[in-house]
Amino acid sequence: MTLQTPIGQISIYLDNEPIPFKIKQLPLNKEHISDINGRYSLTVEFENDSLTHSLKCMFDNYPTEEIKNSKESGEDFESLSFYYGKLKLTLGAEGENFNSGKFDYTISYLKNGLQYDINPKTASKSFLFGVAWIVNSNEKNEVQTWYAADPSLM
């Protein structure tokens, strides 16, 4: 299963094995995200087995020379944005990239995506990734992908 985006396919892997996930197209006509061209939530149901796992949301066959990326974090939110010409795409995940004690998992940045680092004490739950893009981004509207990919705003 994959999500097709303007800069490539996104897949989700549990311990480097592709897994199925739910794809939900989200509304585009909200106040702070009026220029967004695509917005999705990707959900994985996880059952705790008391082991350590990595849950990766990432681009397959990522063309590193043509696409630049940038980390964009906020409170309880980690995101990685990708730039290709005027296109900006953001992947988002709820959590922190350090152990703040607020979450029972952490988030790591990959060159082509984001990863939930699941530990043996992580509770069974749904893990959510946000995906949003603007085809014609500029200085005034590029922040919209950050809002649109935030799982807490879905």
C-alpha atoms as a PDB file:
ATOM      1  CA  MET A   1       0.000   0.000   0.000  1.00  0.00           C
ATOM      2  CA  THR A   2       1.275   3.478  -0.852  1.00  0.00           C
ATOM      3  CA  LEU A   3       0.145   7.088  -1.031  1.00  0.00           C
ATOM      4  CA  GLN A   4       1.024   8.749  -4.332  1.00  0.00           C
ATOM      5  CA  THR A   5       2.201  12.366  -3.950  1.00  0.00           C
ATOM      6  CA  PRO A   6       3.579  14.864  -6.484  1.00  0.00           C
ATOM      7  CA  ILE A   7       7.157  13.935  -5.518  1.00  0.00           C
ATOM      8  CA  GLY A   8       6.789  10.191  -5.120  1.00  0.00           C
ATOM      9  CA  GLN A   9       5.194   7.298  -3.300  1.00  0.00           C
ATOM     10  CA  ILE A  10       4.993   7.153   0.490  1.00  0.00           C
ATOM     11  CA  SER A  11       4.953   3.793   2.256  1.00  0.00           C
ATOM     12  CA  ILE A  12       4.921   2.748   5.906  1.00  0.00           C
ATOM     13  CA  TYR A  13       7.242   0.094   7.311  1.00  0.00           C
ATOM     14  CA  LEU A  14       7.283  -1.730  10.637  1.00  0.00           C
ATOM     15  CA  ASP A  15      10.825  -2.909  11.340  1.00  0.00           C
ATOM     16  CA  ASN A  16      11.713  -2.395   7.642  1.00  0.00           C
ATOM     17  CA  GLU A  17       8.791  -4.514   6.381  1.00  0.00           C
ATOM     18  CA  PRO A  18       5.991  -2.795   4.432  1.00  0.00           C
ATOM     19  CA  ILE A  19       2.665  -2.841   6.258  1.00  0.00           C
ATOM     20  CA  PRO A  20      -0.900  -1.839   5.390  1.00  0.00           C
ATOM     21  CA  PHE A  21      -2.226   1.476   6.678  1.00  0.00           C
ATOM     22  CA  LYS A  22      -5.381   3.548   6.426  1.00  0.00           C
ATOM     23  CA  ILE A  23      -5.351   6.520   4.068  1.00  0.00           C
ATOM     24  CA  LYS A  24      -7.877   9.288   4.651  1.00  0.00           C
ATOM     25  CA  GLN A  25      -8.158  12.345   2.429  1.00  0.00           C
ATOM     26  CA  LEU A  26      -8.777  15.414   4.593  1.00  0.00           C
ATOM     27  CA  PRO A  27     -10.593  18.691   3.879  1.00  0.00           C
ATOM     28  CA  LEU A  28      -8.650  21.472   2.200  1.00  0.00           C
ATOM     29  CA  ASN A  29     -10.947  24.429   2.764  1.00  0.00           C
ATOM     30  CA  LYS A  30      -9.959  25.437   6.271  1.00  0.00           C
ATOM     31  CA  GLU A  31      -8.917  28.948   7.286  1.00  0.00           C
ATOM     32  CA  HIS A  32      -5.161  28.452   7.826  1.00  0.00           C
ATOM     33  CA  ILE A  33      -4.657  26.011   4.947  1.00  0.00           C
ATOM     34  CA  SER A  34      -6.542  27.546   2.032  1.00  0.00           C
ATOM     35  CA  ASP A  35      -3.681  27.046  -0.474  1.00  0.00           C
ATOM     36  CA  ILE A  36      -3.122  23.340   0.276  1.00  0.00           C
ATOM     37  CA  ASN A  37      -3.461  21.050  -2.768  1.00  0.00           C
ATOM     38  CA  GLY A  38      -3.323  17.683  -0.982  1.00  0.00           C
ATOM     39  CA  ARG A  39      -3.874  16.631   2.635  1.00  0.00           C
ATOM     40  CA  TYR A  40      -3.991  13.116   4.072  1.00  0.00           C
ATOM     41  CA  SER A  41      -3.777  11.226   7.315  1.00  0.00           C
ATOM     42  CA  LEU A  42      -2.024   7.860   7.334  1.00  0.00           C
ATOM     43  CA  THR A  43      -2.955   5.635  10.277  1.00  0.00           C
ATOM     44  CA  VAL A  44      -1.373   2.448  11.589  1.00  0.00           C
ATOM     45  CA  GLU A  45      -3.003   0.375  14.324  1.00  0.00           C
ATOM     46  CA  PHE A  46      -0.360  -0.934  16.745  1.00  0.00           C
ATOM     47  CA  GLU A  47      -0.673  -3.628  19.392  1.00  0.00           C
ATOM     48  CA  ASN A  48       2.014  -3.742  22.054  1.00  0.00           C
ATOM     49  CA  ASP A  49       4.074  -6.931  22.105  1.00  0.00           C
ATOM     50  CA  SER A  50       6.645  -5.662  24.668  1.00  0.00           C
ATOM     51  CA  LEU A  51       9.366  -5.354  22.005  1.00  0.00           C
ATOM     52  CA  THR A  52      11.206  -2.414  20.457  1.00  0.00           C
ATOM     53  CA  HIS A  53      10.008  -1.421  16.965  1.00  0.00           C
ATOM     54  CA  SER A  54      10.543   1.237  14.320  1.00  0.00           C
ATOM     55  CA  LEU A  55       7.515   2.548  12.426  1.00  0.00           C
ATOM     56  CA  LYS A  56       8.691   4.487   9.370  1.00  0.00           C
ATOM     57  CA  CYS A  57       6.684   6.714   7.034  1.00  0.00           C
ATOM     58  CA  MET A  58       8.909   7.501   4.086  1.00  0.00           C
ATOM     59  CA  PHE A  59       9.318   8.070   0.384  1.00  0.00           C
ATOM     60  CA  ASP A  60      10.267   5.054  -1.691  1.00  0.00           C
ATOM     61  CA  ASN A  61      13.125   5.709  -4.163  1.00  0.00           C
ATOM     62  CA  TYR A  62      13.829   9.175  -2.769  1.00  0.00           C
ATOM     63  CA  PRO A  63      15.719  11.279  -5.364  1.00  0.00           C
ATOM     64  CA  THR A  64      18.085  13.084  -2.981  1.00  0.00           C
ATOM     65  CA  GLU A  65      19.842  15.295  -5.537  1.00  0.00           C
ATOM     66  CA  GLU A  66      16.671  16.990  -6.760  1.00  0.00           C
ATOM     67  CA  ILE A  67      14.718  17.360  -3.512  1.00  0.00           C
ATOM     68  CA  LYS A  68      15.845  19.300  -0.449  1.00  0.00           C
ATOM     69  CA  ASN A  69      14.429  18.683   3.021  1.00  0.00           C
ATOM     70  CA  SER A  70      14.186  20.624   6.254  1.00  0.00           C
ATOM     71  CA  LYS A  71      13.178  19.751   9.827  1.00  0.00           C
ATOM     72  CA  GLU A  72      10.292  21.827  11.157  1.00  0.00           C
ATOM     73  CA  SER A  73       9.281  21.036  14.717  1.00  0.00           C
ATOM     74  CA  GLY A  74       6.810  22.522  17.163  1.00  0.00           C
ATOM     75  CA  GLU A  75       5.378  21.716  20.565  1.00  0.00           C
ATOM     76  CA  ASP A  76       4.485  17.997  20.574  1.00  0.00           C
ATOM     77  CA  PHE A  77       4.950  17.968  16.797  1.00  0.00           C
ATOM     78  CA  GLU A  78       7.796  16.881  14.547  1.00  0.00           C
ATOM     79  CA  SER A  79       7.736  17.423  10.805  1.00  0.00           C
ATOM     80  CA  LEU A  80      10.000  17.100   7.818  1.00  0.00           C
ATOM     81  CA  SER A  81       9.372  19.256   4.760  1.00  0.00           C
ATOM     82  CA  PHE A  82      10.507  18.479   1.234  1.00  0.00           C
ATOM     83  CA  TYR A  83      11.099  21.114  -1.440  1.00  0.00           C
ATOM     84  CA  TYR A  84      11.101  20.500  -5.186  1.00  0.00           C
ATOM     85  CA  GLY A  85      10.942  23.698  -7.213  1.00  0.00           C
ATOM     86  CA  LYS A  86       7.871  25.570  -5.924  1.00  0.00           C
ATOM     87  CA  LEU A  87       6.351  22.416  -4.465  1.00  0.00           C
ATOM     88  CA  LYS A  88       6.511  21.958  -0.696  1.00  0.00           C
ATOM     89  CA  LEU A  89       5.380  18.731   0.993  1.00  0.00           C
ATOM     90  CA  THR A  90       5.372  18.154   4.754  1.00  0.00           C
ATOM     91  CA  LEU A  91       5.227  14.889   6.716  1.00  0.00           C
ATOM     92  CA  GLY A  92       4.149  15.321  10.329  1.00  0.00           C
ATOM     93  CA  ALA A  93       3.900  13.190  13.472  1.00  0.00           C
ATOM     94  CA  GLU A  94       2.681  13.908  16.991  1.00  0.00           C
ATOM     95  CA  GLY A  95       5.405  13.587  19.602  1.00  0.00           C
ATOM     96  CA  GLU A  96       8.961  14.725  20.316  1.00  0.00           C
ATOM     97  CA  ASN A  97      12.380  13.708  18.996  1.00  0.00           C
ATOM     98  CA  PHE A  98      13.618  13.370  22.578  1.00  0.00           C
ATOM     99  CA  ASN A  99      12.262  11.623  25.664  1.00  0.00           C
ATOM    100  CA  SER A 100      10.260  14.408  27.317  1.00  0.00           C
ATOM    101  CA  GLY A 101       8.265  11.976  29.457  1.00  0.00           C
ATOM    102  CA  LYS A 102       5.049  13.189  27.822  1.00  0.00           C
ATOM    103  CA  PHE A 103       4.922  10.398  25.221  1.00  0.00           C
ATOM    104  CA  ASP A 104       5.737   6.698  25.508  1.00  0.00           C
ATOM    105  CA  TYR A 105       7.662   6.813  22.214  1.00  0.00           C
ATOM    106  CA  THR A 106      10.009   9.206  20.395  1.00  0.00           C
ATOM    107  CA  ILE A 107      10.256  10.383  16.792  1.00  0.00           C
ATOM    108  CA  SER A 108      13.363  10.232  14.613  1.00  0.00           C
ATOM    109  CA  TYR A 109      14.125  12.097  11.403  1.00  0.00           C
ATOM    110  CA  LEU A 110      15.132  10.111   8.337  1.00  0.00           C
ATOM    111  CA  LYS A 111      16.458  11.664   5.124  1.00  0.00           C
ATOM    112  CA  ASN A 112      13.287  10.506   3.347  1.00  0.00           C
ATOM    113  CA  GLY A 113      10.696  10.507   6.157  1.00  0.00           C
ATOM    114  CA  LEU A 114       9.833  10.206   9.840  1.00  0.00           C
ATOM    115  CA  GLN A 115      10.008   7.302  12.268  1.00  0.00           C
ATOM    116  CA  TYR A 116       8.151   6.506  15.479  1.00  0.00           C
ATOM    117  CA  ASP A 117      10.595   4.779  17.844  1.00  0.00           C
ATOM    118  CA  ILE A 118       8.393   2.362  19.753  1.00  0.00           C
ATOM    119  CA  ASN A 119       9.722   0.932  23.012  1.00  0.00           C
ATOM    120  CA  PRO A 120       8.564  -2.135  24.979  1.00  0.00           C
ATOM    121  CA  LYS A 121       6.339   0.030  27.226  1.00  0.00           C
ATOM    122  CA  THR A 122       4.572   1.868  24.400  1.00  0.00           C
ATOM    123  CA  ALA A 123       0.827   1.355  24.790  1.00  0.00           C
ATOM    124  CA  SER A 124      -1.269  -0.147  22.010  1.00  0.00           C
ATOM    125  CA  LYS A 125      -2.642   2.700  19.928  1.00  0.00           C
ATOM    126  CA  SER A 126      -3.123   4.255  16.532  1.00  0.00           C
ATOM    127  CA  PHE A 127      -0.069   6.003  15.129  1.00  0.00           C
ATOM    128  CA  LEU A 128      -0.859   8.856  12.783  1.00  0.00           C
ATOM    129  CA  PHE A 129       1.231  10.580  10.122  1.00  0.00           C
ATOM    130  CA  GLY A 130       0.065  13.763   8.417  1.00  0.00           C
ATOM    131  CA  VAL A 131       0.908  14.542   4.794  1.00  0.00           C
ATOM    132  CA  ALA A 132       0.206  17.878   3.075  1.00  0.00           C
ATOM    133  CA  TRP A 133       1.502  19.751   0.056  1.00  0.00           C
ATOM    134  CA  ILE A 134       1.297  22.993  -1.876  1.00  0.00           C
ATOM    135  CA  VAL A 135       2.158  22.886  -5.573  1.00  0.00           C
ATOM    136  CA  ASN A 136       2.907  26.620  -5.811  1.00  0.00           C
ATOM    137  CA  SER A 137       4.401  27.569  -2.435  1.00  0.00           C
ATOM    138  CA  ASN A 138       5.817  30.973  -1.572  1.00  0.00           C
ATOM    139  CA  GLU A 139       6.991  32.843   1.544  1.00  0.00           C
ATOM    140  CA  LYS A 140       3.433  33.742   2.549  1.00  0.00           C
ATOM    141  CA  ASN A 141       1.745  30.348   2.200  1.00  0.00           C
ATOM    142  CA  GLU A 142       4.471  27.753   2.833  1.00  0.00           C
ATOM    143  CA  VAL A 143       3.638  27.558   6.575  1.00  0.00           C
ATOM    144  CA  GLN A 144       0.271  26.054   5.605  1.00  0.00           C
ATOM    145  CA  THR A 145       1.780  22.601   5.042  1.00  0.00           C
ATOM    146  CA  TRP A 146       3.057  22.683   8.644  1.00  0.00           C
ATOM    147  CA  TYR A 147      -0.479  23.250   9.962  1.00  0.00           C
ATOM    148  CA  ALA A 148      -2.098  20.852   7.503  1.00  0.00           C
ATOM    149  CA  ALA A 149       0.276  17.965   8.391  1.00  0.00           C
ATOM    150  CA  ASP A 150      -0.117  18.352  12.176  1.00  0.00           C
ATOM    151  CA  PRO A 151      -1.997  15.263  13.477  1.00  0.00           C
ATOM    152  CA  SER A 152      -3.415  17.255  16.408  1.00  0.00           C
ATOM    153  CA  LEU A 153      -5.265  19.467  13.891  1.00  0.00           C
ATOM    154  CA  MET A 154      -6.799  16.589  11.934  1.00  0.00           C
END
